[in-house]
Amino acid sequence: MSDGGDRPNDDLAPSSPGNIQSLNEQLNKATLKSSSRLLILILLAMHKRSTASELRALTGLARGSLENHLEKLESAGYVKTTKVKSFSGWRQTVEITQKGLDECRELLRTIRALNV
């Protein structure tokens, strides 16, 4: 019997409880409890480095909200922020650290293992 998707219902095996538990543990880390911080981390994993204004445009976050999330990610060691002077004023650059990249990859591996 099909549910209208590409896969028959018989093929929808439940994910292992270990995968769900692992995902729950990862998402229960204080730094990763915010969908905005997860999005920032994923964006930086994809692009390695970005400016704060680019992140605001991609996430829709206000300046203060983005600053708050970046502070938490930096405190956890997931990102490094740098402010540099440019012709138009100060520019904040955000770069993912190896720790942040490893955490993001592990989270994505865990999600893939759910076989959703």
C-alpha atoms as a PDB file:
ATOM      1  CA  MET A   1       0.000   0.000   0.000  1.00  0.00           C
ATOM      2  CA  SER A   2       1.358   3.413  -0.935  1.00  0.00           C
ATOM      3  CA  ASP A   3       0.977   6.704   0.944  1.00  0.00           C
ATOM      4  CA  GLY A   4       1.219   8.718  -2.274  1.00  0.00           C
ATOM      5  CA  GLY A   5       4.993   9.137  -1.938  1.00  0.00           C
ATOM      6  CA  ASP A   6       7.765   7.348  -3.724  1.00  0.00           C
ATOM      7  CA  ARG A   7       8.119   4.613  -1.120  1.00  0.00           C
ATOM      8  CA  PRO A   8       5.575   1.980  -0.091  1.00  0.00           C
ATOM      9  CA  ASN A   9       4.522   2.009   3.583  1.00  0.00           C
ATOM     10  CA  ASP A  10       6.066  -1.446   4.056  1.00  0.00           C
ATOM     11  CA  ASP A  11       9.499   0.062   3.398  1.00  0.00           C
ATOM     12  CA  LEU A  12       9.154   2.728   6.090  1.00  0.00           C
ATOM     13  CA  ALA A  13      11.210   1.080   8.782  1.00  0.00           C
ATOM     14  CA  PRO A  14      11.280   2.947  12.070  1.00  0.00           C
ATOM     15  CA  SER A  15      14.546   4.614  12.981  1.00  0.00           C
ATOM     16  CA  SER A  16      16.647   2.976  15.591  1.00  0.00           C
ATOM     17  CA  PRO A  17      16.017   4.279  19.116  1.00  0.00           C
ATOM     18  CA  GLY A  18      19.766   4.907  19.351  1.00  0.00           C
ATOM     19  CA  ASN A  19      19.616   7.382  16.455  1.00  0.00           C
ATOM     20  CA  ILE A  20      16.727   9.256  18.053  1.00  0.00           C
ATOM     21  CA  GLN A  21      18.507   9.300  21.413  1.00  0.00           C
ATOM     22  CA  SER A  22      21.692  10.591  19.787  1.00  0.00           C
ATOM     23  CA  LEU A  23      19.783  13.375  18.010  1.00  0.00           C
ATOM     24  CA  ASN A  24      18.023  14.282  21.252  1.00  0.00           C
ATOM     25  CA  GLU A  25      21.359  14.505  23.074  1.00  0.00           C
ATOM     26  CA  GLN A  26      22.848  16.708  20.362  1.00  0.00           C
ATOM     27  CA  LEU A  27      19.848  19.040  20.298  1.00  0.00           C
ATOM     28  CA  ASN A  28      19.789  19.273  24.091  1.00  0.00           C
ATOM     29  CA  LYS A  29      23.134  21.064  24.122  1.00  0.00           C
ATOM     30  CA  ALA A  30      22.336  24.604  25.249  1.00  0.00           C
ATOM     31  CA  THR A  31      24.051  26.134  22.234  1.00  0.00           C
ATOM     32  CA  LEU A  32      22.077  24.037  19.755  1.00  0.00           C
ATOM     33  CA  LYS A  33      18.626  24.469  21.302  1.00  0.00           C
ATOM     34  CA  SER A  34      17.864  27.354  18.962  1.00  0.00           C
ATOM     35  CA  SER A  35      16.785  26.837  15.357  1.00  0.00           C
ATOM     36  CA  SER A  36      18.452  30.167  14.515  1.00  0.00           C
ATOM     37  CA  ARG A  37      21.803  28.974  15.857  1.00  0.00           C
ATOM     38  CA  LEU A  38      21.444  25.685  13.988  1.00  0.00           C
ATOM     39  CA  LEU A  39      20.730  27.614  10.794  1.00  0.00           C
ATOM     40  CA  ILE A  40      23.747  29.897  11.335  1.00  0.00           C
ATOM     41  CA  LEU A  41      25.969  26.880  11.961  1.00  0.00           C
ATOM     42  CA  ILE A  42      24.726  25.094   8.827  1.00  0.00           C
ATOM     43  CA  LEU A  43      25.159  28.227   6.703  1.00  0.00           C
ATOM     44  CA  LEU A  44      28.698  28.670   7.952  1.00  0.00           C
ATOM     45  CA  ALA A  45      29.456  24.976   7.395  1.00  0.00           C
ATOM     46  CA  MET A  46      28.375  25.474   3.785  1.00  0.00           C
ATOM     47  CA  HIS A  47      30.276  28.733   3.210  1.00  0.00           C
ATOM     48  CA  LYS A  48      33.049  28.564   5.885  1.00  0.00           C
ATOM     49  CA  ARG A  49      32.976  32.356   6.342  1.00  0.00           C
ATOM     50  CA  SER A  50      30.363  35.083   6.082  1.00  0.00           C
ATOM     51  CA  THR A  51      29.749  38.653   7.142  1.00  0.00           C
ATOM     52  CA  ALA A  52      27.173  39.498   9.782  1.00  0.00           C
ATOM     53  CA  SER A  53      25.129  41.398   7.185  1.00  0.00           C
ATOM     54  CA  GLU A  54      25.093  38.330   4.901  1.00  0.00           C
ATOM     55  CA  LEU A  55      23.949  36.157   7.811  1.00  0.00           C
ATOM     56  CA  ARG A  56      21.203  38.665   8.684  1.00  0.00           C
ATOM     57  CA  ALA A  57      19.984  38.574   5.074  1.00  0.00           C
ATOM     58  CA  LEU A  58      20.005  34.765   4.952  1.00  0.00           C
ATOM     59  CA  THR A  59      18.417  34.181   8.369  1.00  0.00           C
ATOM     60  CA  GLY A  60      16.073  37.164   8.626  1.00  0.00           C
ATOM     61  CA  LEU A  61      17.422  37.928  12.102  1.00  0.00           C
ATOM     62  CA  ALA A  62      17.674  41.456  13.430  1.00  0.00           C
ATOM     63  CA  ARG A  63      21.136  42.804  14.256  1.00  0.00           C
ATOM     64  CA  GLY A  64      20.770  42.376  18.038  1.00  0.00           C
ATOM     65  CA  SER A  65      19.330  38.894  17.741  1.00  0.00           C
ATOM     66  CA  LEU A  66      22.130  37.777  15.426  1.00  0.00           C
ATOM     67  CA  GLU A  67      24.731  39.241  17.796  1.00  0.00           C
ATOM     68  CA  ASN A  68      23.195  37.288  20.691  1.00  0.00           C
ATOM     69  CA  HIS A  69      23.276  34.019  18.743  1.00  0.00           C
ATOM     70  CA  LEU A  70      26.833  34.619  17.531  1.00  0.00           C
ATOM     71  CA  GLU A  71      28.000  35.313  21.094  1.00  0.00           C
ATOM     72  CA  LYS A  72      26.582  31.963  22.233  1.00  0.00           C
ATOM     73  CA  LEU A  73      28.104  30.107  19.301  1.00  0.00           C
ATOM     74  CA  GLU A  74      31.458  31.787  19.895  1.00  0.00           C
ATOM     75  CA  SER A  75      31.362  31.009  23.632  1.00  0.00           C
ATOM     76  CA  ALA A  76      30.857  27.344  22.754  1.00  0.00           C
ATOM     77  CA  GLY A  77      33.829  27.497  20.385  1.00  0.00           C
ATOM     78  CA  TYR A  78      31.748  26.871  17.244  1.00  0.00           C
ATOM     79  CA  VAL A  79      32.485  30.169  15.493  1.00  0.00           C
ATOM     80  CA  LYS A  80      35.049  32.945  15.559  1.00  0.00           C
ATOM     81  CA  THR A  81      34.047  36.535  14.904  1.00  0.00           C
ATOM     82  CA  THR A  82      36.375  39.268  13.754  1.00  0.00           C
ATOM     83  CA  LYS A  83      35.675  42.963  13.280  1.00  0.00           C
ATOM     84  CA  VAL A  84      37.648  44.763  10.616  1.00  0.00           C
ATOM     85  CA  LYS A  85      37.514  48.373   9.533  1.00  0.00           C
ATOM     86  CA  SER A  86      36.384  48.975   5.970  1.00  0.00           C
ATOM     87  CA  PHE A  87      35.642  52.091   3.938  1.00  0.00           C
ATOM     88  CA  SER A  88      32.013  52.003   5.036  1.00  0.00           C
ATOM     89  CA  GLY A  89      32.753  51.366   8.732  1.00  0.00           C
ATOM     90  CA  TRP A  90      33.295  48.237  10.769  1.00  0.00           C
ATOM     91  CA  ARG A  91      32.535  44.878   9.197  1.00  0.00           C
ATOM     92  CA  GLN A  92      32.041  41.746  11.249  1.00  0.00           C
ATOM     93  CA  THR A  93      33.237  38.494   9.718  1.00  0.00           C
ATOM     94  CA  VAL A  94      32.097  35.166  11.116  1.00  0.00           C
ATOM     95  CA  GLU A  95      33.980  31.942  10.485  1.00  0.00           C
ATOM     96  CA  ILE A  96      33.123  28.424  11.563  1.00  0.00           C
ATOM     97  CA  THR A  97      35.772  26.690  13.682  1.00  0.00           C
ATOM     98  CA  GLN A  98      36.828  23.074  13.305  1.00  0.00           C
ATOM     99  CA  LYS A  99      34.800  22.300  16.442  1.00  0.00           C
ATOM    100  CA  GLY A 100      31.728  23.925  14.877  1.00  0.00           C
ATOM    101  CA  LEU A 101      32.237  22.094  11.613  1.00  0.00           C
ATOM    102  CA  ASP A 102      32.635  18.766  13.428  1.00  0.00           C
ATOM    103  CA  GLU A 103      29.484  19.408  15.479  1.00  0.00           C
ATOM    104  CA  CYS A 104      27.482  20.347  12.387  1.00  0.00           C
ATOM    105  CA  ARG A 105      28.674  17.292  10.461  1.00  0.00           C
ATOM    106  CA  GLU A 106      27.841  14.995  13.379  1.00  0.00           C
ATOM    107  CA  LEU A 107      24.361  16.489  13.661  1.00  0.00           C
ATOM    108  CA  LEU A 108      23.737  16.051   9.928  1.00  0.00           C
ATOM    109  CA  ARG A 109      25.078  12.459  10.041  1.00  0.00           C
ATOM    110  CA  THR A 110      22.672  11.693  12.875  1.00  0.00           C
ATOM    111  CA  ILE A 111      19.743  13.179  10.952  1.00  0.00           C
ATOM    112  CA  ARG A 112      20.662  11.188   7.823  1.00  0.00           C
ATOM    113  CA  ALA A 113      20.793   8.001   9.908  1.00  0.00           C
ATOM    114  CA  LEU A 114      17.126   8.491  10.799  1.00  0.00           C
ATOM    115  CA  ASN A 115      16.216   7.426   7.239  1.00  0.00           C
ATOM    116  CA  VAL A 116      13.479  10.024   6.981  1.00  0.00           C
END
